């Protein structure tokens, strides 16, 4: 027998004013009954869309539709210049999207929350980045009504597969910036910030702009007499943020009430000198930036007398086993700082990647980190290994006693008594795909480490901002080894380009880009990791359940 089809009745809320003399309780009860009736009708008339044909399991994946990143203030000093580079790899589907970067000001942050096109900046648009037009005002808006802020883009991205580059604000009080990408530009969207300066000698300061968050770890900071370290906080959201800086040294947590409850208003930034927060010099610090409320973009910049300057790479979240990738082949010394905020000590085995896999360096077999403290270890690479680029792996000496840690590594190039430094950190695998912008012809090297098993990756070099032919290369990385990939510049390159690494098989693989600028004494260099771009997200499947309103 065919089952009868039940249709939900069209319900209309009763006019409660007709209940003469009714009490407020009675009126509220009738209103509640009416609302439940309306909700039940909607549930019956609008069932969820059925899962796509052929879909299996309880989850599926979907392409991200919007990506937002935050860059720190340039930190240029008296002499220097900063370049910002935007890139989105090809392969994104959907509508033609918008990609842009703007200074993190109050008006820009507010304007970014509305679906309007950015206004043309007063400066000429960089090559390959046509300036956008201002959005039209809504029709019928009363004369004299307040006009919503219009986003003033410093830089725009025209299409996937071709980066766009331009200068940051060229002054010491320049704010941080934020970048947005939508539609087919959102998957894999990445932004790099690179500063050339003369801070105590030629130096490169590079960083990969990252999403706003509530927790950031930096290991290897210092308030010693030869260091000037700053934490930068940028609020690119429309809600206030309150932030704590928790600093751990070799004697435990560094107490200072000035490091707690730091307010960062929407569309503003703060720069905090660490030496003013530590109550005395501490040479090996781990800094945990924690947002109590709201979100921020966080960075930590270090300037060391005689060793140049750079941004500290943020460490991966605390974990019992960590790997610090990207040690260049020509560094001479390195300084490792490991920290834990756990109530347990950490005993860790130390290994370096070599041409035949992981090995234990003589005299550096292990490191002990006391609960809530930091510990340091120095390396002389000229004496311990001459096998090329490398990585450091830290694992529990006793798997049954695994304590989460974070790690950072300062690496030094030396020549004729002069030194240039860069800061590395515990990393995360590239996953399915990762990209990094601002690579330069003849100055770029890609360093790959396979942690546990043999792996194969595909490396793609994009066209330059002003021309070039994209190129791809398959690279095999044996387990426990580090491979330097040279000869990856695109043919006919004109302008900076982007690198994309995709895992083909095996894994996990950690990837680091080394950028070097020639100098008469010691070459200035900086390194940044390529991290999983999370271009897709898992979406749970749902089924119709009208009874949910009765549960």
Protein backbone atom coordinates (compact mmCIF):
# COMPACT_ATOMS: atom_id res chain seq x y z
CA UNK A 1 0.00 0.00 0.00
CA UNK A 2 1.29 3.41 -0.89
CA UNK A 3 2.01 5.51 2.17
CA UNK A 4 0.15 8.82 2.33
CA UNK A 5 2.24 11.94 1.86
CA UNK A 6 2.15 14.23 4.89
CA UNK A 7 2.56 17.93 4.31
CA UNK A 8 3.31 20.37 7.06
CA UNK A 9 0.53 22.93 7.46
CA UNK A 10 1.21 26.56 6.78
CA UNK A 11 1.38 28.03 10.24
CA UNK A 12 0.79 31.59 11.21
CA UNK A 13 1.76 33.02 14.55
CA UNK A 14 -1.32 33.93 16.59
CA UNK A 15 -2.13 37.50 17.45
CA UNK A 16 -1.45 37.44 21.16
CA UNK A 17 -3.06 40.83 21.63
CA UNK A 18 -6.43 39.06 21.23
CA UNK A 19 -5.97 37.22 24.53
CA UNK A 20 -7.91 39.69 26.60
CA UNK A 21 -6.87 39.89 30.17
CA UNK A 22 -4.36 37.08 29.63
CA UNK A 23 -1.37 36.95 31.93
CA UNK A 24 2.22 37.42 30.70
CA UNK A 25 2.87 33.75 31.45
CA UNK A 26 -0.06 32.67 29.31
CA UNK A 27 1.04 34.88 26.44
CA UNK A 28 4.60 33.56 26.66
CA UNK A 29 3.34 29.98 26.59
CA UNK A 30 1.25 30.60 23.49
CA UNK A 31 4.19 32.31 21.80
CA UNK A 32 6.42 29.33 22.59
CA UNK A 33 3.88 26.89 21.12
CA UNK A 34 3.61 29.00 17.97
CA UNK A 35 7.40 29.16 17.52
CA UNK A 36 7.74 25.38 17.97
CA UNK A 37 5.04 24.87 15.34
CA UNK A 38 6.85 27.12 12.92
CA UNK A 39 10.19 25.40 13.53
CA UNK A 40 8.63 21.97 13.06
CA UNK A 41 7.06 23.07 9.79
CA UNK A 42 10.38 24.33 8.47
CA UNK A 43 12.09 21.10 9.46
CA UNK A 44 9.54 19.12 7.48
CA UNK A 45 9.52 21.37 4.44
CA UNK A 46 13.32 21.92 4.18
CA UNK A 47 15.17 18.64 4.66
CA UNK A 48 18.98 18.66 4.34
CA UNK A 49 20.41 18.14 0.89
CA UNK A 50 21.19 14.48 0.24
CA UNK A 51 24.88 13.46 0.10
CA UNK A 52 26.49 13.54 -3.33
CA UNK A 53 26.14 10.39 -5.41
CA UNK A 54 28.96 7.96 -4.77
CA UNK A 55 29.97 9.59 -1.49
CA UNK A 56 31.06 7.13 1.17
CA UNK A 57 31.73 7.49 4.87
CA UNK A 58 30.51 10.21 7.17
CA UNK A 59 32.78 13.02 5.96
CA UNK A 60 33.82 14.55 2.67
CA UNK A 61 36.23 17.31 1.71
CA UNK A 62 35.59 20.76 0.32
CA UNK A 63 37.86 23.51 -0.95
CA UNK A 64 38.41 26.46 1.39
CA UNK A 65 36.64 29.59 0.19
CA UNK A 66 38.49 32.24 2.20
CA UNK A 67 42.03 32.46 3.57
CA UNK A 68 43.23 35.21 5.92
CA UNK A 69 46.88 35.80 6.93
CA UNK A 70 48.67 38.33 9.13
CA UNK A 71 52.17 39.79 8.66
CA UNK A 72 54.19 41.53 11.40
CA UNK A 73 55.42 45.14 11.23
CA UNK A 74 58.48 45.35 8.91
CA UNK A 75 61.02 46.03 11.70
CA UNK A 76 63.26 47.79 9.17
CA UNK A 77 65.43 49.90 11.43
CA UNK A 78 67.09 53.07 10.18
CA UNK A 79 68.26 51.54 6.89
CA UNK A 80 66.38 48.81 5.10
CA UNK A 81 63.63 47.84 2.70
CA UNK A 82 60.84 45.27 2.96
CA UNK A 83 59.16 43.33 0.15
CA UNK A 84 55.79 41.59 0.43
CA UNK A 85 54.99 38.76 -2.00
CA UNK A 86 51.57 37.15 -2.54
CA UNK A 87 50.95 33.82 -4.26
CA UNK A 88 48.24 31.24 -4.81
CA UNK A 89 49.01 27.96 -6.63
CA UNK A 90 47.00 26.84 -9.61
CA UNK A 91 44.28 24.24 -9.16
CA UNK A 92 41.71 26.18 -7.18
CA UNK A 93 38.17 25.78 -8.45
CA UNK A 94 35.05 27.89 -8.14
CA UNK A 95 34.47 31.53 -8.86
CA UNK A 96 37.19 34.02 -9.75
CA UNK A 97 38.43 35.23 -6.40
CA UNK A 98 40.06 38.28 -4.90
CA UNK A 99 43.54 38.37 -3.38
CA UNK A 100 44.89 41.42 -1.61
CA UNK A 101 47.12 42.75 1.15
CA UNK A 102 46.45 45.88 3.23
CA UNK A 103 47.96 47.65 6.21
CA UNK A 104 46.37 46.49 9.48
CA UNK A 105 44.59 49.73 10.34
CA UNK A 106 41.21 50.11 12.01
CA UNK A 107 39.44 51.24 8.84
CA UNK A 108 40.95 48.47 6.72
CA UNK A 109 40.08 45.78 9.27
CA UNK A 110 36.45 46.96 9.44
CA UNK A 111 36.19 47.23 5.66
CA UNK A 112 37.57 43.71 5.22
CA UNK A 113 34.53 42.27 6.98
CA UNK A 114 32.18 43.46 4.22
CA UNK A 115 32.05 41.99 0.69
CA UNK A 116 33.37 45.05 -1.12
CA UNK A 117 36.21 45.54 -3.58
CA UNK A 118 39.31 47.35 -2.27
CA UNK A 119 40.00 50.94 -3.17
CA UNK A 120 42.97 51.80 -5.32
CA UNK A 121 45.95 52.74 -3.21
CA UNK A 122 47.52 56.14 -3.65
CA UNK A 123 50.76 54.41 -4.70
CA UNK A 124 51.10 52.92 -8.18
CA UNK A 125 50.12 49.27 -8.39
CA UNK A 126 53.07 46.82 -8.46
CA UNK A 127 53.79 44.97 -11.67
CA UNK A 128 51.36 42.10 -12.18
CA UNK A 129 48.97 43.50 -9.58
CA UNK A 130 46.34 45.79 -11.10
CA UNK A 131 44.79 48.16 -8.61
CA UNK A 132 41.21 47.41 -7.71
CA UNK A 133 38.41 49.91 -8.06
CA UNK A 134 36.47 51.37 -5.13
CA UNK A 135 33.16 49.72 -4.38
CA UNK A 136 30.01 51.63 -5.39
CA UNK A 137 27.96 53.09 -2.58
CA UNK A 138 24.63 51.36 -1.87
CA UNK A 139 21.75 52.88 -3.85
CA UNK A 140 19.21 54.84 -1.90
CA UNK A 141 21.64 55.72 0.88
CA UNK A 142 20.44 58.89 2.61
CA UNK A 143 22.44 61.99 1.94
CA UNK A 144 24.89 62.71 4.74
CA UNK A 145 24.71 59.16 6.12
CA UNK A 146 27.98 57.73 7.51
CA UNK A 147 30.06 56.08 4.80
CA UNK A 148 31.52 52.69 5.64
CA UNK A 149 35.32 52.48 5.37
CA UNK A 150 36.65 51.24 2.04
CA UNK A 151 39.54 48.79 2.03
CA UNK A 152 42.75 50.43 0.84
CA UNK A 153 44.82 47.60 -0.68
CA UNK A 154 48.58 47.95 -0.77
CA UNK A 155 48.95 44.95 -3.08
CA UNK A 156 46.58 42.78 -5.14
CA UNK A 157 46.95 39.33 -6.68
CA UNK A 158 45.65 38.98 -10.23
CA UNK A 159 45.45 35.22 -10.78
CA UNK A 160 46.67 31.83 -9.51
CA UNK A 161 50.11 30.63 -10.53
CA UNK A 162 51.76 34.05 -10.81
CA UNK A 163 52.98 35.90 -7.68
CA UNK A 164 52.61 39.62 -7.04
CA UNK A 165 55.20 41.64 -5.11
CA UNK A 166 55.49 45.16 -3.79
CA UNK A 167 57.04 47.26 -1.01
CA UNK A 168 55.81 47.52 2.56
CA UNK A 169 55.47 50.88 4.27
CA UNK A 170 59.00 52.33 4.48
CA UNK A 171 59.16 53.78 7.98
CA UNK A 172 59.92 52.63 11.50
CA UNK A 173 56.33 53.04 12.71
CA UNK A 174 54.74 51.04 9.88
CA UNK A 175 51.93 48.78 11.08
CA UNK A 176 51.60 45.09 10.40
CA UNK A 177 49.51 43.97 7.45
CA UNK A 178 46.88 41.38 6.66
CA UNK A 179 46.07 39.49 3.48
CA UNK A 180 42.82 37.97 2.22
CA UNK A 181 42.04 35.57 -0.61
CA UNK A 182 38.67 34.28 -1.75
CA UNK A 183 37.29 31.95 -4.43
CA UNK A 184 39.87 30.19 -6.58
CA UNK A 185 42.69 32.19 -4.95
CA UNK A 186 41.94 30.95 -1.40
CA UNK A 187 43.35 27.37 -1.58
CA UNK A 188 47.07 27.49 -0.82
CA UNK A 189 47.24 31.29 -0.56
CA UNK A 190 50.56 32.34 0.96
CA UNK A 191 52.41 35.59 1.73
CA UNK A 192 56.12 36.17 2.43
CA UNK A 193 57.75 39.23 4.00
CA UNK A 194 61.49 39.80 3.45
CA UNK A 195 63.56 42.69 4.81
CA UNK A 196 67.09 43.65 3.72
CA UNK A 197 68.82 45.78 6.34
CA UNK A 198 72.14 47.02 7.64
CA UNK A 199 71.53 46.22 11.30
CA UNK A 200 75.02 45.50 12.56
CA UNK A 201 76.01 44.33 9.07
CA UNK A 202 74.15 42.99 6.05
CA UNK A 203 71.17 40.92 7.16
CA UNK A 204 68.01 39.35 5.81
CA UNK A 205 64.90 39.09 7.98
CA UNK A 206 62.27 36.80 6.49
CA UNK A 207 58.95 35.45 7.69
CA UNK A 208 55.99 33.52 6.33
CA UNK A 209 52.78 35.37 7.18
CA UNK A 210 50.38 33.15 9.15
CA UNK A 211 46.72 33.04 10.23
CA UNK A 212 45.65 34.82 13.39
CA UNK A 213 45.61 32.49 16.38
CA UNK A 214 45.55 32.11 20.14
CA UNK A 215 48.84 30.24 20.76
CA UNK A 216 52.36 30.71 19.32
CA UNK A 217 55.67 29.24 20.52
CA UNK A 218 59.10 30.78 19.85
CA UNK A 219 62.19 28.97 21.18
CA UNK A 220 65.60 30.61 21.11
CA UNK A 221 64.80 34.17 22.17
CA UNK A 222 67.12 36.06 24.51
CA UNK A 223 67.45 39.15 26.66
CA UNK A 224 71.22 38.82 26.92
CA UNK A 225 73.51 41.86 26.62
CA UNK A 226 74.16 41.33 22.90
CA UNK A 227 70.54 40.73 21.88
CA UNK A 228 67.61 43.02 21.08
CA UNK A 229 64.49 40.86 20.79
CA UNK A 230 60.95 42.12 20.17
CA UNK A 231 57.57 40.40 20.20
CA UNK A 232 55.07 41.89 17.77
CA UNK A 233 51.29 41.50 18.13
CA UNK A 234 48.91 42.46 15.30
CA UNK A 235 45.12 42.42 15.73
CA UNK A 236 43.57 42.10 12.26
CA UNK A 237 40.12 41.24 13.68
CA UNK A 238 37.23 43.51 14.65
CA UNK A 239 37.19 42.40 18.31
CA UNK A 240 39.73 43.37 20.99
CA UNK A 241 42.40 40.88 22.04
CA UNK A 242 44.04 40.34 25.43
CA UNK A 243 47.40 38.56 25.34
CA UNK A 244 49.82 37.02 27.85
CA UNK A 245 53.52 36.41 27.18
CA UNK A 246 54.77 33.40 29.11
CA UNK A 247 58.56 33.27 29.10
CA UNK A 248 60.52 30.19 30.16
CA UNK A 249 64.25 30.22 30.94
CA UNK A 250 66.80 27.83 32.38
CA UNK A 251 65.44 28.57 35.87
CA UNK A 252 61.74 28.30 35.04
CA UNK A 253 58.91 30.69 34.30
CA UNK A 254 59.98 34.35 34.19
CA UNK A 255 57.48 36.27 36.30
CA UNK A 256 56.56 39.83 35.27
CA UNK A 257 53.13 41.42 35.55
CA UNK A 258 53.90 43.61 32.51
CA UNK A 259 53.83 40.49 30.34
CA UNK A 260 50.22 39.67 31.26
CA UNK A 261 46.93 41.20 30.14
CA UNK A 262 48.33 43.05 27.12
CA UNK A 263 45.40 44.70 25.31
CA UNK A 264 45.53 44.96 21.51
CA UNK A 265 42.66 46.93 20.00
CA UNK A 266 41.17 45.99 16.60
CA UNK A 267 43.27 47.23 13.69
CA UNK A 268 46.31 48.02 15.86
CA UNK A 269 49.66 46.46 16.71
CA UNK A 270 52.06 46.40 19.64
CA UNK A 271 55.82 45.89 19.74
CA UNK A 272 57.23 44.69 23.09
CA UNK A 273 60.93 44.69 24.00
CA UNK A 274 61.64 41.41 25.79
CA UNK A 275 64.46 42.85 27.88
CA UNK A 276 61.90 45.07 29.58
CA UNK A 277 59.88 42.02 30.63
CA UNK A 278 62.48 39.55 31.91
CA UNK A 279 63.89 41.35 35.00
CA UNK A 280 67.49 40.62 34.12
CA UNK A 281 69.29 38.91 31.23
CA UNK A 282 68.19 35.41 30.21
CA UNK A 283 70.17 33.91 27.35
CA UNK A 284 67.94 31.01 26.31
CA UNK A 285 64.23 31.82 26.34
CA UNK A 286 61.13 30.13 25.03
CA UNK A 287 58.21 32.53 24.61
CA UNK A 288 54.61 31.32 24.54
CA UNK A 289 52.20 33.94 23.19
CA UNK A 290 48.70 33.15 24.49
CA UNK A 291 45.56 35.12 23.65
CA UNK A 292 43.10 35.06 26.57
CA UNK A 293 40.44 36.60 24.35
CA UNK A 294 40.33 37.45 20.66
CA UNK A 295 43.08 36.48 18.21
CA UNK A 296 46.35 38.01 17.06
CA UNK A 297 49.16 37.50 14.60
CA UNK A 298 52.42 37.09 16.55
CA UNK A 299 56.08 37.36 15.58
CA UNK A 300 59.44 37.50 17.36
CA UNK A 301 62.35 39.39 15.82
CA UNK A 302 65.94 39.04 17.05
CA UNK A 303 68.96 41.28 16.49
CA UNK A 304 72.27 39.99 17.79
CA UNK A 305 75.38 42.16 17.76
CA UNK A 306 77.82 40.80 15.20
CA UNK A 307 75.38 38.12 13.99
CA UNK A 308 72.76 40.08 12.06
CA UNK A 309 68.98 39.90 12.46
CA UNK A 310 66.05 37.70 11.55
CA UNK A 311 62.58 36.59 12.58
CA UNK A 312 62.43 33.48 14.73
CA UNK A 313 60.56 30.67 12.99
CA UNK A 314 57.53 29.74 15.14
CA UNK A 315 57.86 26.25 16.57
CA UNK A 316 55.36 23.49 15.97
CA UNK A 317 53.05 22.83 18.91
CA UNK A 318 54.63 20.91 21.82
CA UNK A 319 55.11 17.21 21.03
CA UNK A 320 57.16 14.32 22.49
CA UNK A 321 59.16 14.00 19.23
CA UNK A 322 60.16 17.02 17.13
CA UNK A 323 62.34 17.63 14.08
CA UNK A 324 64.12 20.89 13.24
CA UNK A 325 64.70 20.95 9.45
CA UNK A 326 66.60 23.24 7.12
CA UNK A 327 70.17 23.39 8.45
CA UNK A 328 72.18 24.75 5.48
CA UNK A 329 75.26 22.87 4.30
CA UNK A 330 77.69 25.74 4.93
CA UNK A 331 76.78 26.73 8.50
CA UNK A 332 79.63 26.35 10.98
CA UNK A 333 77.91 26.52 14.38
CA UNK A 334 74.41 26.12 15.76
CA UNK A 335 72.71 26.70 19.11
CA UNK A 336 69.71 24.52 20.05
CA UNK A 337 67.16 25.65 22.65
CA UNK A 338 64.56 23.12 23.85
CA UNK A 339 61.73 23.95 26.25
CA UNK A 340 58.80 22.33 27.99
CA UNK A 341 55.95 23.83 29.99
CA UNK A 342 55.07 20.37 31.30
CA UNK A 343 55.26 19.38 34.96
CA UNK A 344 57.55 16.49 33.92
CA UNK A 345 61.19 16.56 32.83
CA UNK A 346 62.06 15.60 29.25
CA UNK A 347 64.93 13.26 28.39
CA UNK A 348 65.59 13.37 24.65
CA UNK A 349 67.81 11.49 22.24
CA UNK A 350 69.56 13.76 19.71
CA UNK A 351 70.09 12.72 16.08
CA UNK A 352 71.26 14.40 12.89
CA UNK A 353 70.20 13.43 9.39
CA UNK A 354 73.08 12.15 7.25
CA UNK A 355 73.58 10.66 3.82
CA UNK A 356 72.73 7.18 5.18
CA UNK A 357 69.96 8.17 7.59
CA UNK A 358 69.74 9.40 11.18
CA UNK A 359 72.91 9.19 13.29
CA UNK A 360 73.95 10.29 16.78
CA UNK A 361 76.60 13.05 16.89
CA UNK A 362 79.54 12.26 19.16
CA UNK A 363 79.30 13.99 22.52
CA UNK A 364 75.80 15.26 21.77
CA UNK A 365 73.84 12.07 22.33
CA UNK A 366 71.08 13.51 24.52
CA UNK A 367 69.62 16.59 26.18
CA UNK A 368 67.76 16.85 29.50
CA UNK A 369 65.08 19.53 29.92
CA UNK A 370 63.75 20.17 33.41
CA UNK A 371 60.01 20.69 33.93
CA UNK A 372 58.91 24.22 32.99
CA UNK A 373 62.41 25.22 31.84
CA UNK A 374 64.74 25.44 28.84
CA UNK A 375 67.99 23.64 28.02
CA UNK A 376 70.57 24.39 25.35
CA UNK A 377 73.06 22.45 23.25
CA UNK A 378 75.83 23.77 20.96
CA UNK A 379 77.02 22.18 17.71
CA UNK A 380 80.24 22.62 15.74
CA UNK A 381 79.16 21.37 12.34
CA UNK A 382 82.56 21.70 10.70
CA UNK A 383 83.89 19.10 13.12
CA UNK A 384 80.82 16.87 13.44
CA UNK A 385 79.50 16.57 9.90
CA UNK A 386 80.44 17.63 6.40
CA UNK A 387 77.67 15.74 4.69
CA UNK A 388 75.69 18.74 3.43
CA UNK A 389 72.41 20.15 4.67
CA UNK A 390 70.91 18.47 7.70
CA UNK A 391 68.14 18.35 10.30
CA UNK A 392 67.97 17.61 14.03
CA UNK A 393 65.54 15.08 15.48
CA UNK A 394 64.66 14.86 19.18
CA UNK A 395 62.87 11.75 20.49
CA UNK A 396 62.17 10.45 24.02
CA UNK A 397 64.95 8.25 25.38
CA UNK A 398 62.18 6.27 27.08
CA UNK A 399 59.02 6.00 24.93
CA UNK A 400 57.03 5.32 28.10
CA UNK A 401 58.04 8.74 29.44
CA UNK A 402 57.17 11.12 26.59
CA UNK A 403 57.10 14.82 27.52
CA UNK A 404 55.95 17.42 24.96
CA UNK A 405 58.64 19.95 23.98
CA UNK A 406 59.26 22.81 21.56
CA UNK A 407 62.60 23.56 19.91
CA UNK A 408 64.44 26.35 18.11
CA UNK A 409 67.87 26.46 16.48
CA UNK A 410 70.12 29.42 15.63
CA UNK A 411 72.47 28.59 12.73
CA UNK A 412 75.55 30.69 11.93
CA UNK A 413 77.52 31.37 8.78
CA UNK A 414 81.02 32.65 9.42
CA UNK A 415 83.63 34.25 7.15
CA UNK A 416 86.61 36.47 7.92
CA UNK A 417 85.51 36.91 11.51
CA UNK A 418 81.99 38.02 10.59
CA UNK A 419 78.82 36.03 11.23
CA UNK A 420 75.28 36.02 9.87
CA UNK A 421 72.56 34.06 11.68
CA UNK A 422 69.12 32.63 10.99
CA UNK A 423 66.65 30.94 13.33
CA UNK A 424 64.99 27.58 12.60
CA UNK A 425 62.34 25.71 14.59
CA UNK A 426 60.61 22.39 15.07
CA UNK A 427 58.52 21.86 11.95
CA UNK A 428 55.45 20.18 10.54
CA UNK A 429 55.24 18.14 7.30
CA UNK A 430 54.23 19.69 4.00
CA UNK A 431 51.29 17.29 3.89
CA UNK A 432 49.49 17.14 0.57
CA UNK A 433 50.87 20.51 -0.58
CA UNK A 434 52.73 23.59 0.66
CA UNK A 435 53.88 26.80 -1.04
CA UNK A 436 56.21 29.69 -0.24
CA UNK A 437 56.53 32.99 -2.11
CA UNK A 438 59.51 35.33 -2.67
CA UNK A 439 62.14 33.03 -4.14
CA UNK A 440 64.83 34.67 -6.27
CA UNK A 441 66.89 33.52 -9.21
CA UNK A 442 70.31 32.18 -8.25
CA UNK A 443 69.64 32.81 -4.56
CA UNK A 444 67.22 30.03 -3.62
CA UNK A 445 67.78 26.50 -2.30
CA UNK A 446 65.11 24.04 -1.19
CA UNK A 447 66.01 21.69 1.70
CA UNK A 448 63.93 18.51 2.15
CA UNK A 449 64.03 15.97 5.01
CA UNK A 450 62.21 12.61 5.08
CA UNK A 451 61.55 11.83 8.73
CA UNK A 452 60.51 8.17 8.93
CA UNK A 453 60.22 6.54 5.50
CA UNK A 454 61.40 7.07 1.94
CA UNK A 455 59.41 9.77 0.18
CA UNK A 456 58.93 11.31 -3.21
CA UNK A 457 57.76 14.88 -3.80
CA UNK A 458 57.01 17.08 -6.79
CA UNK A 459 58.56 20.54 -6.71
CA UNK A 460 56.98 23.27 -8.86
CA UNK A 461 58.57 26.65 -9.55
CA UNK A 462 56.04 29.24 -10.68
CA UNK A 463 56.55 31.99 -13.21
CA UNK A 464 58.09 35.18 -11.87
CA UNK A 465 56.09 38.31 -11.13
CA UNK A 466 57.10 39.71 -14.53
CA UNK A 467 57.68 36.59 -16.58
CA UNK A 468 59.16 33.12 -16.77
CA UNK A 469 58.19 29.55 -17.60
CA UNK A 470 57.00 27.35 -14.69
CA UNK A 471 59.05 24.20 -14.10
CA UNK A 472 58.50 20.96 -12.17
CA UNK A 473 60.89 18.38 -10.79
CA UNK A 474 60.35 15.04 -9.01
CA UNK A 475 62.66 14.56 -6.03
CA UNK A 476 63.29 11.35 -4.06
CA UNK A 477 64.21 11.73 -0.38
CA UNK A 478 65.46 8.58 1.40
CA UNK A 479 64.36 8.03 4.99
CA UNK A 480 66.40 9.96 7.56
CA UNK A 481 68.23 12.04 4.97
CA UNK A 482 68.22 15.68 3.94
CA UNK A 483 68.36 16.65 0.26
CA UNK A 484 69.19 20.10 -1.12
CA UNK A 485 67.33 20.80 -4.37
CA UNK A 486 69.24 23.19 -6.62
CA UNK A 487 68.57 24.31 -10.17
CA UNK A 488 64.90 25.05 -9.57
CA UNK A 489 64.72 28.56 -11.04
CA UNK A 490 62.15 28.89 -13.85
CA UNK A 491 63.46 29.50 -17.38
CA UNK A 492 63.34 33.14 -18.49
CA UNK A 493 62.72 34.27 -14.91
CA UNK A 494 61.85 37.91 -14.32
CA UNK A 495 61.04 38.84 -10.73
CA UNK A 496 60.52 36.71 -7.60
CA UNK A 497 58.75 33.38 -7.96
CA UNK A 498 56.99 30.85 -5.72
CA UNK A 499 57.83 27.26 -4.79
CA UNK A 500 55.22 24.53 -4.27
CA UNK A 501 56.00 21.09 -2.82
CA UNK A 502 53.51 18.23 -3.16
CA UNK A 503 53.88 14.83 -1.51
CA UNK A 504 53.67 12.13 -4.18
CA UNK A 505 54.36 9.06 -2.04
CA UNK A 506 55.80 8.05 1.32
CA UNK A 507 56.46 10.70 3.89
CA UNK A 508 56.26 12.70 6.02
CA UNK A 509 58.54 15.34 4.48
CA UNK A 510 59.70 18.61 6.02
CA UNK A 511 60.67 21.43 3.63
CA UNK A 512 62.64 24.63 4.17
CA UNK A 513 63.53 27.38 1.70
CA UNK A 514 66.91 29.08 2.09
CA UNK A 515 67.26 32.55 0.52
CA UNK A 516 70.78 33.97 0.23
CA UNK A 517 71.88 37.43 -0.89
CA UNK A 518 75.54 37.73 -1.95
CA UNK A 519 77.76 40.04 0.08
CA UNK A 520 81.45 40.89 0.06
CA UNK A 521 82.07 39.21 3.42
CA UNK A 522 79.49 36.75 4.76
CA UNK A 523 76.35 36.22 2.65
CA UNK A 524 73.12 37.35 4.28
CA UNK A 525 70.51 34.58 4.44
CA UNK A 526 67.13 33.63 5.88
CA UNK A 527 65.15 30.40 5.99
CA UNK A 528 61.42 29.70 6.16
CA UNK A 529 59.50 26.44 6.33
CA UNK A 530 56.87 25.32 3.85
CA UNK A 531 53.88 24.07 5.82
CA UNK A 532 50.71 22.26 4.80
CA UNK A 533 48.44 24.83 3.12
CA UNK A 534 45.23 23.10 4.31
CA UNK A 535 43.55 23.91 1.00
CA UNK A 536 40.65 21.60 1.83
CA UNK A 537 38.57 21.02 4.93
CA UNK A 538 36.51 18.06 6.09
CA UNK A 539 32.75 18.53 5.91
CA UNK A 540 30.48 16.17 7.86
CA UNK A 541 27.52 14.67 6.03
CA UNK A 542 24.11 15.16 7.64
CA UNK A 543 20.81 13.32 7.36
CA UNK A 544 17.24 14.54 7.74
CA UNK A 545 15.87 14.11 11.27
CA UNK A 546 12.61 16.07 11.83
CA UNK A 547 12.44 14.69 15.35
CA UNK A 548 15.44 16.77 16.38
CA UNK A 549 13.09 19.59 17.41
CA UNK A 550 11.43 17.24 19.90
CA UNK A 551 14.65 16.01 21.55
